[in-house]
Each structure stands twice: as structure tokens, then as C-alpha cells.
Amino acid sequence: MVRNYQRKTQRATSDRNVRIVFTRREQIDAEKVAEVLLRVALREAGTGTQAGQAGSYLRQLLSTER
């Protein structure tokens, strides 16, 4: 079930770059990787970048107005 989210407080937007640190492991945490990719895509939604296009498409898929 998708909920419409509306912020209740005024917060400054975050325009910082994403930093990635590589740590070699035997197995990856697929859930954490998926969460990070979704967050980046949704944050970039609406921009002209490929990540922004993916975010816009993801928002469209998650919206209740299909």
C-alpha cells in the first residue's frame, strides 16, 4: 500500500553529494544496496540525469494514480 507523504515540518533540503566507501566483503547486503539505490533515485527524481529519470519512473510506479 502506497501512502502519500507530506512533510509536517520545514526542513532545509539536502544538496550534498553522495559519498561511497568501498569495503571488500565475502557477501553483499542486498537489502542495504537496494535501499541506497532507491533513496538516490527518489532524491534525484525530476532532474535531467539518468538517476533523475529513474527516480521519476520509480515515483510513477509507486503512485496510486496509475
PDB file of N, CA and C in Angstrom:
ATOM      1  N   MET A   1       0.844  -1.179   0.000  1.00  0.00           N
ATOM      2  CA  MET A   1       0.000   0.000   0.000  1.00  0.00           C
ATOM      3  C   MET A   1       0.887   1.239   0.000  1.00  0.00           C
ATOM      4  N   VAL A   2       0.675   2.104  -0.950  1.00  0.00           N
ATOM      5  CA  VAL A   2       1.470   3.308  -1.084  1.00  0.00           C
ATOM      6  C   VAL A   2       0.766   4.447  -0.375  1.00  0.00           C
ATOM      7  N   ARG A   3       1.512   5.165   0.423  1.00  0.00           N
ATOM      8  CA  ARG A   3       0.943   6.323   1.133  1.00  0.00           C
ATOM      9  C   ARG A   3       1.502   7.603   0.536  1.00  0.00           C
ATOM     10  N   ASN A   4       0.684   8.630   0.516  1.00  0.00           N
ATOM     11  CA  ASN A   4       1.162   9.946   0.109  1.00  0.00           C
ATOM     12  C   ASN A   4       1.834  10.595   1.304  1.00  0.00           C
ATOM     13  N   TYR A   5       3.083  11.002   1.117  1.00  0.00           N
ATOM     14  CA  TYR A   5       3.855  11.581   2.206  1.00  0.00           C
ATOM     15  C   TYR A   5       3.865  13.086   2.084  1.00  0.00           C
ATOM     16  N   GLN A   6       3.497  13.749   3.159  1.00  0.00           N
ATOM     17  CA  GLN A   6       3.595  15.198   3.212  1.00  0.00           C
ATOM     18  C   GLN A   6       4.361  15.571   4.461  1.00  0.00           C
ATOM     19  N   ARG A   7       5.394  16.369   4.277  1.00  0.00           N
ATOM     20  CA  ARG A   7       6.226  16.785   5.388  1.00  0.00           C
ATOM     21  C   ARG A   7       5.466  17.742   6.284  1.00  0.00           C
ATOM     22  N   LYS A   8       5.571  17.540   7.585  1.00  0.00           N
ATOM     23  CA  LYS A   8       4.858  18.386   8.544  1.00  0.00           C
ATOM     24  C   LYS A   8       5.709  19.543   9.045  1.00  0.00           C
ATOM     25  N   THR A   9       7.008  19.423   8.924  1.00  0.00           N
ATOM     26  CA  THR A   9       7.905  20.476   9.400  1.00  0.00           C
ATOM     27  C   THR A   9       8.716  21.039   8.238  1.00  0.00           C
ATOM     28  N   GLN A  10       9.213  22.240   8.425  1.00  0.00           N
ATOM     29  CA  GLN A  10      10.054  22.866   7.416  1.00  0.00           C
ATOM     30  C   GLN A  10      11.508  22.480   7.661  1.00  0.00           C
ATOM     31  N   ARG A  11      12.084  21.739   6.732  1.00  0.00           N
ATOM     32  CA  ARG A  11      13.492  21.349   6.832  1.00  0.00           C
ATOM     33  C   ARG A  11      14.234  21.849   5.619  1.00  0.00           C
ATOM     34  N   ALA A  12      15.484  22.155   5.825  1.00  0.00           N
ATOM     35  CA  ALA A  12      16.321  22.543   4.699  1.00  0.00           C
ATOM     36  C   ALA A  12      16.570  21.328   3.817  1.00  0.00           C
ATOM     37  N   THR A  13      16.558  21.537   2.514  1.00  0.00           N
ATOM     38  CA  THR A  13      16.811  20.422   1.612  1.00  0.00           C
ATOM     39  C   THR A  13      18.292  20.080   1.618  1.00  0.00           C
ATOM     40  N   SER A  14      18.575  18.857   1.330  1.00  0.00           N
ATOM     41  CA  SER A  14      19.951  18.381   1.329  1.00  0.00           C
ATOM     42  C   SER A  14      20.471  18.347  -0.091  1.00  0.00           C
ATOM     43  N   ASP A  15      21.454  19.159  -0.385  1.00  0.00           N
ATOM     44  CA  ASP A  15      22.049  19.198  -1.719  1.00  0.00           C
ATOM     45  C   ASP A  15      23.472  18.653  -1.708  1.00  0.00           C
ATOM     46  N   ARG A  16      23.759  17.785  -0.770  1.00  0.00           N
ATOM     47  CA  ARG A  16      25.114  17.252  -0.695  1.00  0.00           C
ATOM     48  C   ARG A  16      25.281  16.080  -1.648  1.00  0.00           C
ATOM     49  N   ASN A  17      26.518  15.853  -2.034  1.00  0.00           N
ATOM     50  CA  ASN A  17      26.832  14.747  -2.927  1.00  0.00           C
ATOM     51  C   ASN A  17      26.799  13.435  -2.164  1.00  0.00           C
ATOM     52  N   VAL A  18      26.574  12.365  -2.894  1.00  0.00           N
ATOM     53  CA  VAL A  18      26.578  11.037  -2.297  1.00  0.00           C
ATOM     54  C   VAL A  18      28.022  10.560  -2.215  1.00  0.00           C
ATOM     55  N   ARG A  19      28.410  10.083  -1.045  1.00  0.00           N
ATOM     56  CA  ARG A  19      29.753   9.543  -0.873  1.00  0.00           C
ATOM     57  C   ARG A  19      29.652   8.033  -0.707  1.00  0.00           C
ATOM     58  N   ILE A  20      30.521   7.343  -1.412  1.00  0.00           N
ATOM     59  CA  ILE A  20      30.517   5.890  -1.353  1.00  0.00           C
ATOM     60  C   ILE A  20      31.878   5.418  -0.898  1.00  0.00           C
ATOM     61  N   VAL A  21      31.885   4.510   0.058  1.00  0.00           N
ATOM     62  CA  VAL A  21      33.127   3.927   0.557  1.00  0.00           C
ATOM     63  C   VAL A  21      33.119   2.448   0.216  1.00  0.00           C
ATOM     64  N   PHE A  22      34.178   1.988  -0.444  1.00  0.00           N
ATOM     65  CA  PHE A  22      34.269   0.590  -0.836  1.00  0.00           C
ATOM     66  C   PHE A  22      34.880  -0.225   0.297  1.00  0.00           C
ATOM     67  N   THR A  23      34.185  -1.276   0.684  1.00  0.00           N
ATOM     68  CA  THR A  23      34.690  -2.221   1.681  1.00  0.00           C
ATOM     69  C   THR A  23      34.522  -3.619   1.106  1.00  0.00           C
ATOM     70  N   ARG A  24      35.630  -4.320   0.944  1.00  0.00           N
ATOM     71  CA  ARG A  24      35.558  -5.668   0.369  1.00  0.00           C
ATOM     72  C   ARG A  24      34.946  -6.622   1.392  1.00  0.00           C
ATOM     73  N   ARG A  25      33.944  -7.389   0.946  1.00  0.00           N
ATOM     74  CA  ARG A  25      33.282  -8.360   1.800  1.00  0.00           C
ATOM     75  C   ARG A  25      33.080  -9.651   1.018  1.00  0.00           C
ATOM     76  N   GLU A  26      32.857 -10.736   1.743  1.00  0.00           N
ATOM     77  CA  GLU A  26      32.596 -12.016   1.103  1.00  0.00           C
ATOM     78  C   GLU A  26      31.205 -12.035   0.469  1.00  0.00           C
ATOM     79  N   GLN A  27      30.218 -11.454   1.153  1.00  0.00           N
ATOM     80  CA  GLN A  27      28.855 -11.390   0.637  1.00  0.00           C
ATOM     81  C   GLN A  27      28.359  -9.962   0.781  1.00  0.00           C
ATOM     82  N   ILE A  28      27.485  -9.568  -0.144  1.00  0.00           N
ATOM     83  CA  ILE A  28      26.933  -8.225  -0.058  1.00  0.00           C
ATOM     84  C   ILE A  28      25.615  -8.256   0.703  1.00  0.00           C
ATOM     85  N   ASP A  29      25.255  -7.115   1.250  1.00  0.00           N
ATOM     86  CA  ASP A  29      23.957  -6.961   1.903  1.00  0.00           C
ATOM     87  C   ASP A  29      23.006  -6.392   0.850  1.00  0.00           C
ATOM     88  N   ALA A  30      22.305  -7.270   0.146  1.00  0.00           N
ATOM     89  CA  ALA A  30      21.463  -6.868  -0.980  1.00  0.00           C
ATOM     90  C   ALA A  30      20.359  -5.898  -0.564  1.00  0.00           C
ATOM     91  N   GLU A  31      19.814  -6.075   0.627  1.00  0.00           N
ATOM     92  CA  GLU A  31      18.756  -5.168   1.091  1.00  0.00           C
ATOM     93  C   GLU A  31      19.283  -3.753   1.264  1.00  0.00           C
ATOM     94  N   LYS A  32      20.489  -3.630   1.803  1.00  0.00           N
ATOM     95  CA  LYS A  32      21.064  -2.305   2.003  1.00  0.00           C
ATOM     96  C   LYS A  32      21.405  -1.651   0.665  1.00  0.00           C
ATOM     97  N   VAL A  33      21.935  -2.428  -0.272  1.00  0.00           N
ATOM     98  CA  VAL A  33      22.243  -1.896  -1.596  1.00  0.00           C
ATOM     99  C   VAL A  33      20.970  -1.420  -2.283  1.00  0.00           C
ATOM    100  N   ALA A  34      19.917  -2.206  -2.213  1.00  0.00           N
ATOM    101  CA  ALA A  34      18.647  -1.821  -2.828  1.00  0.00           C
ATOM    102  C   ALA A  34      18.087  -0.553  -2.193  1.00  0.00           C
ATOM    103  N   GLU A  35      18.170  -0.454  -0.868  1.00  0.00           N
ATOM    104  CA  GLU A  35      17.668   0.738  -0.183  1.00  0.00           C
ATOM    105  C   GLU A  35      18.422   1.985  -0.616  1.00  0.00           C
ATOM    106  N   VAL A  36      19.730   1.889  -0.710  1.00  0.00           N
ATOM    107  CA  VAL A  36      20.535   3.048  -1.121  1.00  0.00           C
ATOM    108  C   VAL A  36      20.194   3.454  -2.548  1.00  0.00           C
ATOM    109  N   LEU A  37      20.080   2.489  -3.449  1.00  0.00           N
ATOM    110  CA  LEU A  37      19.753   2.809  -4.832  1.00  0.00           C
ATOM    111  C   LEU A  37      18.379   3.456  -4.956  1.00  0.00           C
ATOM    112  N   LEU A  38      17.410   2.962  -4.197  1.00  0.00           N
ATOM    113  CA  LEU A  38      16.078   3.573  -4.217  1.00  0.00           C
ATOM    114  C   LEU A  38      16.102   4.989  -3.674  1.00  0.00           C
ATOM    115  N   ARG A  39      16.824   5.200  -2.575  1.00  0.00           N
ATOM    116  CA  ARG A  39      16.905   6.547  -1.996  1.00  0.00           C
ATOM    117  C   ARG A  39      17.551   7.541  -2.955  1.00  0.00           C
ATOM    118  N   VAL A  40      18.634   7.118  -3.602  1.00  0.00           N
ATOM    119  CA  VAL A  40      19.318   8.004  -4.552  1.00  0.00           C
ATOM    120  C   VAL A  40      18.403   8.319  -5.721  1.00  0.00           C
ATOM    121  N   ALA A  41      17.748   7.309  -6.264  1.00  0.00           N
ATOM    122  CA  ALA A  41      16.864   7.526  -7.406  1.00  0.00           C
ATOM    123  C   ALA A  41      15.717   8.462  -7.043  1.00  0.00           C
ATOM    124  N   LEU A  42      15.097   8.252  -5.888  1.00  0.00           N
ATOM    125  CA  LEU A  42      13.967   9.109  -5.498  1.00  0.00           C
ATOM    126  C   LEU A  42      14.422  10.528  -5.198  1.00  0.00           C
ATOM    127  N   ARG A  43      15.611  10.690  -4.628  1.00  0.00           N
ATOM    128  CA  ARG A  43      16.112  12.031  -4.339  1.00  0.00           C
ATOM    129  C   ARG A  43      16.434  12.792  -5.610  1.00  0.00           C
ATOM    130  N   GLU A  44      16.881  12.082  -6.637  1.00  0.00           N
ATOM    131  CA  GLU A  44      17.253  12.715  -7.899  1.00  0.00           C
ATOM    132  C   GLU A  44      16.083  12.880  -8.859  1.00  0.00           C
ATOM    133  N   ALA A  45      14.899  12.397  -8.482  1.00  0.00           N
ATOM    134  CA  ALA A  45      13.734  12.457  -9.369  1.00  0.00           C
ATOM    135  C   ALA A  45      13.479  13.874  -9.840  1.00  0.00           C
ATOM    136  N   GLY A  46      13.204  13.994 -11.123  1.00  0.00           N
ATOM    137  CA  GLY A  46      12.884  15.305 -11.682  1.00  0.00           C
ATOM    138  C   GLY A  46      14.066  16.015 -12.293  1.00  0.00           C
ATOM    139  N   THR A  47      15.265  15.556 -12.026  1.00  0.00           N
ATOM    140  CA  THR A  47      16.438  16.166 -12.646  1.00  0.00           C
ATOM    141  C   THR A  47      16.646  15.529 -14.009  1.00  0.00           C
ATOM    142  N   GLY A  48      17.464  16.119 -14.818  1.00  0.00           N
ATOM    143  CA  GLY A  48      17.687  15.619 -16.172  1.00  0.00           C
ATOM    144  C   GLY A  48      18.677  14.473 -16.263  1.00  0.00           C
ATOM    145  N   THR A  49      19.202  14.034 -15.137  1.00  0.00           N
ATOM    146  CA  THR A  49      20.189  12.967 -15.154  1.00  0.00           C
ATOM    147  C   THR A  49      19.513  11.608 -15.323  1.00  0.00           C
ATOM    148  N   GLN A  50      20.331  10.576 -15.579  1.00  0.00           N
ATOM    149  CA  GLN A  50      19.763   9.236 -15.689  1.00  0.00           C
ATOM    150  C   GLN A  50      19.168   8.795 -14.356  1.00  0.00           C
ATOM    151  N   ALA A  51      19.831   9.145 -13.250  1.00  0.00           N
ATOM    152  CA  ALA A  51      19.276   8.807 -11.934  1.00  0.00           C
ATOM    153  C   ALA A  51      17.958   9.537 -11.715  1.00  0.00           C
ATOM    154  N   GLY A  52      17.854  10.766 -12.190  1.00  0.00           N
ATOM    155  CA  GLY A  52      16.616  11.522 -12.070  1.00  0.00           C
ATOM    156  C   GLY A  52      15.492  10.925 -12.878  1.00  0.00           C
ATOM    157  N   GLN A  53      15.807  10.436 -14.060  1.00  0.00           N
ATOM    158  CA  GLN A  53      14.794   9.778 -14.882  1.00  0.00           C
ATOM    159  C   GLN A  53      14.328   8.488 -14.227  1.00  0.00           C
ATOM    160  N   ALA A  54      15.265   7.745 -13.663  1.00  0.00           N
ATOM    161  CA  ALA A  54      14.904   6.509 -12.961  1.00  0.00           C
ATOM    162  C   ALA A  54      14.037   6.825 -11.750  1.00  0.00           C
ATOM    163  N   GLY A  55      14.375   7.894 -11.026  1.00  0.00           N
ATOM    164  CA  GLY A  55      13.591   8.292  -9.863  1.00  0.00           C
ATOM    165  C   GLY A  55      12.181   8.707 -10.233  1.00  0.00           C
ATOM    166  N   SER A  56      12.059   9.436 -11.328  1.00  0.00           N
ATOM    167  CA  SER A  56      10.731   9.845 -11.781  1.00  0.00           C
ATOM    168  C   SER A  56       9.890   8.639 -12.166  1.00  0.00           C
ATOM    169  N   TYR A  57      10.519   7.693 -12.855  1.00  0.00           N
ATOM    170  CA  TYR A  57       9.806   6.473 -13.244  1.00  0.00           C
ATOM    171  C   TYR A  57       9.411   5.670 -12.007  1.00  0.00           C
ATOM    172  N   LEU A  58      10.304   5.599 -11.034  1.00  0.00           N
ATOM    173  CA  LEU A  58      10.007   4.874  -9.800  1.00  0.00           C
ATOM    174  C   LEU A  58       8.857   5.528  -9.043  1.00  0.00           C
ATOM    175  N   ARG A  59       8.854   6.857  -8.972  1.00  0.00           N
ATOM    176  CA  ARG A  59       7.740   7.560  -8.321  1.00  0.00           C
ATOM    177  C   ARG A  59       6.427   7.283  -9.033  1.00  0.00           C
ATOM    178  N   GLN A  60       6.486   7.235 -10.364  1.00  0.00           N
ATOM    179  CA  GLN A  60       5.279   6.954 -11.132  1.00  0.00           C
ATOM    180  C   GLN A  60       4.768   5.547 -10.822  1.00  0.00           C
ATOM    181  N   LEU A  61       5.675   4.574 -10.711  1.00  0.00           N
ATOM    182  CA  LEU A  61       5.268   3.228 -10.394  1.00  0.00           C
ATOM    183  C   LEU A  61       4.683   3.107  -8.991  1.00  0.00           C
ATOM    184  N   LEU A  62       5.202   3.899  -8.055  1.00  0.00           N
ATOM    185  CA  LEU A  62       4.755   3.825  -6.674  1.00  0.00           C
ATOM    186  C   LEU A  62       3.511   4.646  -6.379  1.00  0.00           C
ATOM    187  N   SER A  63       3.151   5.528  -7.309  1.00  0.00           N
ATOM    188  CA  SER A  63       1.990   6.381  -7.055  1.00  0.00           C
ATOM    189  C   SER A  63       0.701   5.577  -7.205  1.00  0.00           C
ATOM    190  N   THR A  64      -0.335   6.052  -6.546  1.00  0.00           N
ATOM    191  CA  THR A  64      -1.625   5.365  -6.592  1.00  0.00           C
ATOM    192  C   THR A  64      -2.402   5.715  -7.861  1.00  0.00           C
ATOM    193  N   GLU A  65      -1.971   6.740  -8.575  1.00  0.00           N
ATOM    194  CA  GLU A  65      -2.680   7.207  -9.767  1.00  0.00           C
ATOM    195  C   GLU A  65      -2.102   6.559 -11.005  1.00  0.00           C
ATOM    196  N   ARG A  66      -2.350   5.302 -11.220  1.00  0.00           N
ATOM    197  CA  ARG A  66      -1.827   4.613 -12.407  1.00  0.00           C
ATOM    198  C   ARG A  66      -2.827   4.607 -13.517  1.00  0.00           C
TER     199      ARG A  66
END
